[in-house]
Amino acid sequence: MTWLRAIAAAGLSVLMPGAGHALIRDWLRALVFAGLYFSAILLFFPTDQIAAAGSISEAMDVLTAETDTVSQFALSFLVLFAAIDATFRAAGFPPSSNSSGDGPSCPQCGKELDDDLEFCHWCTTRLEPIEPQDADEPAQDQEETARP
């Protein structure tokens, strides 16, 4: 289901940058991409001439005639970048981690572990107890010195 969600996020981002991020509930990125898109439209498109057009076909004629290639490239790049970002985020790349990396993490899900538990409380994976290597070394040294 993850790949289907990633495709849906990409499709929505192509139609409206930020909508794909809203689908995956990444609200801050959704607002940033939508804000960038509308700001770029206001900056690059002749909004006065588009508003004065009587029909949609006249507005499209104004857009194609009055918009230069650099402006079209900037908007296309923004749409493509939003779609790629939404796709990778929906697919789980890069894997997000809520911990700061100070403590041990689960080998299965990558989230922070509770030291008191013998399993991951996020994904319920059983964990093997970790024995410190430093504690084993003095015991071996004592055994070696005790032998004649």
N, C-alpha and C. Protein backbone atom coordinates (compact mmCIF):
# COMPACT_ATOMS: atom_id res chain seq x y z
N MET A 1 0.80 -1.20 0.00
CA MET A 1 0.00 0.00 0.00
C MET A 1 0.85 1.27 0.00
N THR A 2 2.09 1.13 0.42
CA THR A 2 2.95 2.31 0.48
C THR A 2 3.22 2.86 -0.90
N TRP A 3 3.44 2.00 -1.88
CA TRP A 3 3.72 2.48 -3.23
C TRP A 3 2.50 3.15 -3.84
N LEU A 4 1.29 2.67 -3.51
CA LEU A 4 0.06 3.29 -4.01
C LEU A 4 -0.10 4.69 -3.41
N ARG A 5 0.22 4.80 -2.14
CA ARG A 5 0.16 6.11 -1.47
C ARG A 5 1.20 7.07 -2.07
N ALA A 6 2.37 6.55 -2.41
CA ALA A 6 3.42 7.38 -3.01
C ALA A 6 3.00 7.87 -4.39
N ILE A 7 2.36 7.00 -5.17
CA ILE A 7 1.89 7.40 -6.51
C ILE A 7 0.78 8.44 -6.39
N ALA A 8 -0.12 8.25 -5.44
CA ALA A 8 -1.20 9.23 -5.23
C ALA A 8 -0.63 10.58 -4.79
N ALA A 9 0.37 10.56 -3.92
CA ALA A 9 1.00 11.81 -3.47
C ALA A 9 1.69 12.52 -4.63
N ALA A 10 2.33 11.75 -5.50
CA ALA A 10 2.99 12.36 -6.66
C ALA A 10 1.97 12.96 -7.61
N GLY A 11 0.89 12.24 -7.88
CA GLY A 11 -0.15 12.76 -8.78
C GLY A 11 -0.80 14.02 -8.25
N LEU A 12 -1.09 14.04 -6.96
CA LEU A 12 -1.69 15.25 -6.38
C LEU A 12 -0.71 16.42 -6.40
N SER A 13 0.56 16.14 -6.20
CA SER A 13 1.55 17.22 -6.23
C SER A 13 1.75 17.78 -7.63
N VAL A 14 1.53 16.96 -8.65
CA VAL A 14 1.62 17.48 -10.02
C VAL A 14 0.44 18.40 -10.29
N LEU A 15 -0.75 18.03 -9.81
CA LEU A 15 -1.92 18.87 -10.02
C LEU A 15 -1.85 20.16 -9.21
N MET A 16 -1.43 20.03 -7.95
CA MET A 16 -1.32 21.19 -7.07
C MET A 16 -0.19 20.94 -6.08
N PRO A 17 0.95 21.61 -6.24
CA PRO A 17 2.05 21.39 -5.30
C PRO A 17 1.62 21.65 -3.86
N GLY A 18 1.93 20.70 -3.01
CA GLY A 18 1.53 20.77 -1.61
C GLY A 18 0.39 19.82 -1.30
N ALA A 19 -0.41 19.45 -2.28
CA ALA A 19 -1.54 18.54 -2.03
C ALA A 19 -1.05 17.13 -1.72
N GLY A 20 0.02 16.71 -2.34
CA GLY A 20 0.59 15.39 -2.05
C GLY A 20 1.14 15.32 -0.64
N HIS A 21 1.74 16.41 -0.19
CA HIS A 21 2.24 16.46 1.18
C HIS A 21 1.08 16.48 2.18
N ALA A 22 -0.01 17.11 1.81
CA ALA A 22 -1.19 17.09 2.68
C ALA A 22 -1.75 15.67 2.78
N LEU A 23 -1.68 14.92 1.69
CA LEU A 23 -2.15 13.53 1.70
C LEU A 23 -1.36 12.68 2.69
N ILE A 24 -0.06 12.90 2.76
CA ILE A 24 0.76 12.12 3.69
C ILE A 24 0.89 12.82 5.05
N ARG A 25 0.10 13.85 5.25
CA ARG A 25 0.00 14.58 6.51
C ARG A 25 1.31 15.25 6.93
N ASP A 26 2.01 15.77 5.96
CA ASP A 26 3.20 16.57 6.21
C ASP A 26 2.79 18.02 6.01
N TRP A 27 2.13 18.58 7.01
CA TRP A 27 1.42 19.85 6.88
C TRP A 27 2.35 21.02 6.60
N LEU A 28 3.48 21.07 7.25
CA LEU A 28 4.39 22.20 7.05
C LEU A 28 4.92 22.24 5.61
N ARG A 29 5.33 21.11 5.09
CA ARG A 29 5.80 21.07 3.70
C ARG A 29 4.67 21.38 2.73
N ALA A 30 3.46 20.94 3.05
CA ALA A 30 2.32 21.24 2.18
C ALA A 30 2.11 22.75 2.09
N LEU A 31 2.16 23.42 3.22
CA LEU A 31 1.99 24.88 3.21
C LEU A 31 3.15 25.58 2.50
N VAL A 32 4.35 25.09 2.68
CA VAL A 32 5.52 25.71 2.04
C VAL A 32 5.43 25.57 0.52
N PHE A 33 5.14 24.35 0.03
CA PHE A 33 5.08 24.15 -1.42
C PHE A 33 3.90 24.90 -2.04
N ALA A 34 2.75 24.91 -1.38
CA ALA A 34 1.61 25.65 -1.91
C ALA A 34 1.91 27.16 -1.92
N GLY A 35 2.53 27.64 -0.86
CA GLY A 35 2.89 29.06 -0.80
C GLY A 35 3.91 29.44 -1.86
N LEU A 36 4.91 28.58 -2.07
CA LEU A 36 5.89 28.85 -3.12
C LEU A 36 5.24 28.86 -4.50
N TYR A 37 4.32 27.92 -4.72
CA TYR A 37 3.66 27.82 -6.02
C TYR A 37 2.82 29.07 -6.31
N PHE A 38 2.02 29.48 -5.35
CA PHE A 38 1.19 30.67 -5.57
C PHE A 38 2.03 31.93 -5.66
N SER A 39 3.11 32.01 -4.90
CA SER A 39 4.00 33.17 -5.01
C SER A 39 4.66 33.22 -6.38
N ALA A 40 5.06 32.06 -6.89
CA ALA A 40 5.68 32.02 -8.22
C ALA A 40 4.68 32.40 -9.30
N ILE A 41 3.43 31.97 -9.15
CA ILE A 41 2.40 32.36 -10.13
C ILE A 41 2.21 33.87 -10.13
N LEU A 42 2.12 34.45 -8.94
CA LEU A 42 1.95 35.90 -8.86
C LEU A 42 3.17 36.65 -9.40
N LEU A 43 4.34 36.07 -9.22
CA LEU A 43 5.57 36.72 -9.66
C LEU A 43 5.80 36.58 -11.16
N PHE A 44 5.53 35.40 -11.72
CA PHE A 44 5.90 35.12 -13.10
C PHE A 44 4.77 35.32 -14.12
N PHE A 45 3.53 35.19 -13.71
CA PHE A 45 2.43 35.29 -14.67
C PHE A 45 1.86 36.71 -14.71
N PRO A 46 1.38 37.13 -15.87
CA PRO A 46 0.74 38.46 -15.97
C PRO A 46 -0.70 38.39 -15.42
N THR A 47 -0.84 38.53 -14.11
CA THR A 47 -2.14 38.32 -13.47
C THR A 47 -3.18 39.35 -13.90
N ASP A 48 -2.76 40.58 -14.18
CA ASP A 48 -3.72 41.60 -14.62
C ASP A 48 -4.35 41.23 -15.96
N GLN A 49 -3.54 40.77 -16.88
CA GLN A 49 -4.06 40.39 -18.20
C GLN A 49 -4.91 39.12 -18.13
N ILE A 50 -4.55 38.21 -17.25
CA ILE A 50 -5.34 36.99 -17.10
C ILE A 50 -6.70 37.32 -16.50
N ALA A 51 -6.72 38.22 -15.53
CA ALA A 51 -7.99 38.61 -14.91
C ALA A 51 -8.88 39.36 -15.89
N ALA A 52 -8.28 40.10 -16.82
CA ALA A 52 -9.07 40.87 -17.80
C ALA A 52 -9.60 40.00 -18.92
N ALA A 53 -9.08 38.79 -19.06
CA ALA A 53 -9.55 37.89 -20.13
C ALA A 53 -10.99 37.48 -19.86
N GLY A 54 -11.76 37.37 -20.92
CA GLY A 54 -13.18 37.05 -20.79
C GLY A 54 -13.47 35.59 -20.59
N SER A 55 -12.67 34.70 -21.16
CA SER A 55 -12.93 33.27 -21.04
C SER A 55 -11.63 32.54 -20.71
N ILE A 56 -11.75 31.28 -20.44
CA ILE A 56 -10.58 30.48 -20.10
C ILE A 56 -9.66 30.34 -21.31
N SER A 57 -10.24 30.21 -22.50
CA SER A 57 -9.40 30.08 -23.70
C SER A 57 -8.60 31.36 -23.95
N GLU A 58 -9.20 32.53 -23.70
CA GLU A 58 -8.46 33.78 -23.83
C GLU A 58 -7.36 33.88 -22.77
N ALA A 59 -7.65 33.41 -21.57
CA ALA A 59 -6.64 33.43 -20.50
C ALA A 59 -5.47 32.53 -20.85
N MET A 60 -5.75 31.38 -21.43
CA MET A 60 -4.68 30.47 -21.83
C MET A 60 -3.86 31.06 -22.98
N ASP A 61 -4.51 31.78 -23.89
CA ASP A 61 -3.79 32.45 -24.96
C ASP A 61 -2.85 33.52 -24.40
N VAL A 62 -3.32 34.26 -23.40
CA VAL A 62 -2.49 35.28 -22.75
C VAL A 62 -1.30 34.61 -22.06
N LEU A 63 -1.56 33.50 -21.39
CA LEU A 63 -0.47 32.79 -20.69
C LEU A 63 0.61 32.32 -21.65
N THR A 64 0.21 31.73 -22.75
CA THR A 64 1.20 31.22 -23.70
C THR A 64 1.94 32.34 -24.42
N ALA A 65 1.27 33.45 -24.67
CA ALA A 65 1.90 34.55 -25.39
C ALA A 65 2.79 35.41 -24.49
N GLU A 66 2.37 35.63 -23.26
CA GLU A 66 3.05 36.60 -22.39
C GLU A 66 4.06 35.98 -21.42
N THR A 67 4.06 34.68 -21.28
CA THR A 67 4.97 34.05 -20.32
C THR A 67 6.21 33.55 -21.04
N ASP A 68 7.37 33.96 -20.53
CA ASP A 68 8.62 33.54 -21.17
C ASP A 68 9.03 32.13 -20.71
N THR A 69 10.04 31.61 -21.35
CA THR A 69 10.49 30.23 -21.10
C THR A 69 11.05 30.05 -19.70
N VAL A 70 11.74 31.05 -19.19
CA VAL A 70 12.33 30.95 -17.85
C VAL A 70 11.23 30.84 -16.80
N SER A 71 10.17 31.59 -16.95
CA SER A 71 9.06 31.52 -16.00
C SER A 71 8.38 30.16 -16.06
N GLN A 72 8.18 29.64 -17.25
CA GLN A 72 7.58 28.32 -17.39
C GLN A 72 8.48 27.25 -16.78
N PHE A 73 9.80 27.39 -16.98
CA PHE A 73 10.73 26.43 -16.40
C PHE A 73 10.70 26.49 -14.88
N ALA A 74 10.65 27.69 -14.31
CA ALA A 74 10.64 27.82 -12.85
C ALA A 74 9.41 27.16 -12.24
N LEU A 75 8.26 27.38 -12.84
CA LEU A 75 7.04 26.75 -12.32
C LEU A 75 7.06 25.24 -12.52
N SER A 76 7.55 24.79 -13.66
CA SER A 76 7.64 23.35 -13.91
C SER A 76 8.62 22.68 -12.94
N PHE A 77 9.73 23.34 -12.67
CA PHE A 77 10.70 22.81 -11.71
C PHE A 77 10.09 22.70 -10.32
N LEU A 78 9.36 23.71 -9.91
CA LEU A 78 8.72 23.70 -8.60
C LEU A 78 7.71 22.57 -8.49
N VAL A 79 6.91 22.38 -9.52
CA VAL A 79 5.92 21.29 -9.53
C VAL A 79 6.62 19.94 -9.50
N LEU A 80 7.66 19.77 -10.30
CA LEU A 80 8.38 18.50 -10.34
C LEU A 80 9.08 18.21 -9.02
N PHE A 81 9.68 19.22 -8.43
CA PHE A 81 10.36 19.04 -7.14
C PHE A 81 9.37 18.66 -6.05
N ALA A 82 8.21 19.30 -6.03
CA ALA A 82 7.18 18.96 -5.04
C ALA A 82 6.69 17.53 -5.22
N ALA A 83 6.51 17.11 -6.47
CA ALA A 83 6.04 15.75 -6.74
C ALA A 83 7.08 14.71 -6.32
N ILE A 84 8.34 14.96 -6.63
CA ILE A 84 9.40 14.01 -6.25
C ILE A 84 9.55 13.95 -4.74
N ASP A 85 9.51 15.10 -4.09
CA ASP A 85 9.63 15.14 -2.63
C ASP A 85 8.47 14.40 -1.97
N ALA A 86 7.26 14.62 -2.44
CA ALA A 86 6.10 13.93 -1.86
C ALA A 86 6.18 12.43 -2.10
N THR A 87 6.67 12.03 -3.27
CA THR A 87 6.80 10.60 -3.57
C THR A 87 7.79 9.93 -2.64
N PHE A 88 8.96 10.51 -2.48
CA PHE A 88 9.96 9.91 -1.62
C PHE A 88 9.54 9.92 -0.16
N ARG A 89 8.88 10.96 0.28
CA ARG A 89 8.42 11.00 1.67
C ARG A 89 7.32 9.98 1.92
N ALA A 90 6.42 9.80 0.95
CA ALA A 90 5.36 8.80 1.12
C ALA A 90 5.92 7.39 1.07
N ALA A 91 6.98 7.18 0.31
CA ALA A 91 7.59 5.86 0.22
C ALA A 91 8.49 5.55 1.41
N GLY A 92 8.81 6.57 2.20
CA GLY A 92 9.62 6.35 3.40
C GLY A 92 11.09 6.62 3.23
N PHE A 93 11.48 7.35 2.19
CA PHE A 93 12.88 7.72 1.99
C PHE A 93 13.05 9.18 2.26
N PRO A 94 13.92 9.65 3.07
CA PRO A 94 14.74 8.90 3.99
C PRO A 94 13.91 8.44 5.18
N PRO A 95 14.30 7.34 5.82
CA PRO A 95 13.52 6.88 6.97
C PRO A 95 13.57 7.92 8.07
N SER A 96 12.41 8.27 8.58
CA SER A 96 12.36 9.30 9.62
C SER A 96 12.56 8.66 10.97
N SER A 97 13.25 9.37 11.82
CA SER A 97 13.49 8.90 13.17
C SER A 97 13.14 10.01 14.12
N ASN A 98 12.37 9.70 15.13
CA ASN A 98 11.94 10.71 16.09
C ASN A 98 12.97 10.94 17.18
N SER A 99 13.95 10.07 17.30
CA SER A 99 14.94 10.21 18.35
C SER A 99 16.10 11.06 17.87
N SER A 100 16.84 11.58 18.84
CA SER A 100 17.99 12.39 18.49
C SER A 100 19.24 11.55 18.30
N GLY A 101 19.13 10.24 18.47
CA GLY A 101 20.26 9.37 18.25
C GLY A 101 21.14 9.20 19.47
N ASP A 102 20.70 9.66 20.65
CA ASP A 102 21.52 9.56 21.84
C ASP A 102 21.52 8.14 22.41
N GLY A 103 20.37 7.49 22.43
CA GLY A 103 20.27 6.17 23.02
C GLY A 103 20.24 5.08 21.97
N PRO A 104 20.06 3.84 22.44
CA PRO A 104 19.98 2.73 21.49
C PRO A 104 18.70 2.78 20.68
N SER A 105 18.75 2.22 19.48
CA SER A 105 17.58 2.21 18.62
C SER A 105 17.24 0.79 18.23
N CYS A 106 15.99 0.58 17.87
CA CYS A 106 15.49 -0.74 17.49
C CYS A 106 16.08 -1.14 16.13
N PRO A 107 16.58 -2.37 16.00
CA PRO A 107 17.11 -2.79 14.71
C PRO A 107 16.02 -3.00 13.66
N GLN A 108 14.78 -3.17 14.09
CA GLN A 108 13.67 -3.41 13.16
C GLN A 108 13.07 -2.10 12.64
N CYS A 109 12.65 -1.21 13.57
CA CYS A 109 11.95 0.01 13.13
C CYS A 109 12.81 1.27 13.23
N GLY A 110 13.93 1.22 13.97
CA GLY A 110 14.83 2.35 14.06
C GLY A 110 14.45 3.40 15.08
N LYS A 111 13.42 3.16 15.86
CA LYS A 111 13.00 4.15 16.86
C LYS A 111 13.71 3.90 18.18
N GLU A 112 13.62 4.88 19.07
CA GLU A 112 14.32 4.83 20.34
C GLU A 112 13.78 3.72 21.23
N LEU A 113 14.69 3.05 21.95
CA LEU A 113 14.32 1.95 22.83
C LEU A 113 14.28 2.40 24.28
N ASP A 114 13.45 1.72 25.06
CA ASP A 114 13.41 1.91 26.50
C ASP A 114 14.36 0.89 27.11
N ASP A 115 15.31 1.34 27.93
CA ASP A 115 16.32 0.44 28.49
C ASP A 115 15.73 -0.60 29.44
N ASP A 116 14.60 -0.31 30.05
CA ASP A 116 14.01 -1.21 31.03
C ASP A 116 13.26 -2.37 30.39
N LEU A 117 12.92 -2.28 29.12
CA LEU A 117 12.13 -3.31 28.46
C LEU A 117 13.02 -4.24 27.63
N GLU A 118 12.56 -5.47 27.45
CA GLU A 118 13.29 -6.44 26.65
C GLU A 118 12.73 -6.53 25.24
N PHE A 119 11.86 -5.61 24.87
CA PHE A 119 11.28 -5.56 23.54
C PHE A 119 11.09 -4.11 23.15
N CYS A 120 10.93 -3.87 21.86
CA CYS A 120 10.67 -2.52 21.35
C CYS A 120 9.20 -2.20 21.59
N HIS A 121 8.93 -1.13 22.30
CA HIS A 121 7.54 -0.78 22.57
C HIS A 121 6.85 -0.13 21.38
N TRP A 122 7.58 0.09 20.28
CA TRP A 122 6.98 0.63 19.07
C TRP A 122 6.50 -0.48 18.14
N CYS A 123 7.36 -1.48 17.93
CA CYS A 123 7.01 -2.54 16.96
C CYS A 123 6.95 -3.93 17.60
N THR A 124 7.16 -4.02 18.90
CA THR A 124 7.11 -5.26 19.71
C THR A 124 8.12 -6.31 19.28
N THR A 125 9.23 -5.92 18.72
CA THR A 125 10.29 -6.86 18.36
C THR A 125 11.06 -7.25 19.62
N ARG A 126 11.25 -8.55 19.82
CA ARG A 126 12.04 -9.04 20.97
C ARG A 126 13.50 -8.65 20.77
N LEU A 127 14.13 -8.21 21.84
CA LEU A 127 15.52 -7.78 21.78
C LEU A 127 16.38 -8.70 22.63
N GLU A 128 17.54 -9.02 22.13
CA GLU A 128 18.50 -9.82 22.90
C GLU A 128 19.23 -8.88 23.86
N PRO A 129 19.45 -9.32 25.09
CA PRO A 129 20.18 -8.45 26.03
C PRO A 129 21.62 -8.25 25.57
N ILE A 130 22.07 -7.04 25.68
CA ILE A 130 23.43 -6.70 25.26
C ILE A 130 24.33 -6.77 26.47
N GLU A 131 25.34 -7.64 26.41
CA GLU A 131 26.29 -7.76 27.50
C GLU A 131 27.52 -6.94 27.16
N PRO A 132 27.95 -6.09 28.07
CA PRO A 132 29.13 -5.27 27.78
C PRO A 132 30.38 -6.14 27.67
N GLN A 133 31.23 -5.83 26.73
CA GLN A 133 32.45 -6.60 26.50
C GLN A 133 33.49 -6.31 27.57
N ASP A 134 33.45 -5.13 28.17
CA ASP A 134 34.42 -4.76 29.19
C ASP A 134 34.27 -5.64 30.43
N ALA A 135 33.05 -6.04 30.75
CA ALA A 135 32.81 -6.87 31.92
C ALA A 135 33.36 -8.27 31.72
N ASP A 136 33.41 -8.77 30.50
CA ASP A 136 33.92 -10.11 30.22
C ASP A 136 35.44 -10.17 30.30
N GLU A 137 36.11 -9.13 29.92
CA GLU A 137 37.57 -9.13 29.87
C GLU A 137 38.22 -9.31 31.23
N PRO A 138 37.78 -8.61 32.30
CA PRO A 138 38.42 -8.82 33.60
C PRO A 138 38.20 -10.24 34.12
N ALA A 139 37.06 -10.83 33.83
CA ALA A 139 36.80 -12.20 34.28
C ALA A 139 37.75 -13.17 33.60
N GLN A 140 38.03 -12.96 32.34
CA GLN A 140 38.97 -13.82 31.62
C GLN A 140 40.39 -13.64 32.15
N ASP A 141 40.75 -12.40 32.48
CA ASP A 141 42.08 -12.13 33.01
C ASP A 141 42.28 -12.81 34.36
N GLN A 142 41.23 -12.82 35.21
CA GLN A 142 41.32 -13.45 36.51
C GLN A 142 41.48 -14.96 36.37
N GLU A 143 40.78 -15.56 35.40
CA GLU A 143 40.90 -16.99 35.18
C GLU A 143 42.30 -17.34 34.71
N GLU A 144 42.88 -16.53 33.86
CA GLU A 144 44.22 -16.80 33.34
C GLU A 144 45.28 -16.68 34.42
N THR A 145 45.12 -15.71 35.34
CA THR A 145 46.10 -15.55 36.41
C THR A 145 45.96 -16.64 37.46
N ALA A 146 44.77 -17.21 37.61
CA ALA A 146 44.56 -18.26 38.60
C ALA A 146 45.17 -19.57 38.14
N ARG A 147 45.31 -19.80 36.88
CA ARG A 147 45.90 -21.03 36.36
C ARG A 147 47.42 -20.97 36.48
N PRO A 148 48.04 -22.07 36.88
CA PRO A 148 49.51 -22.06 37.00
C PRO A 148 50.21 -22.20 35.70
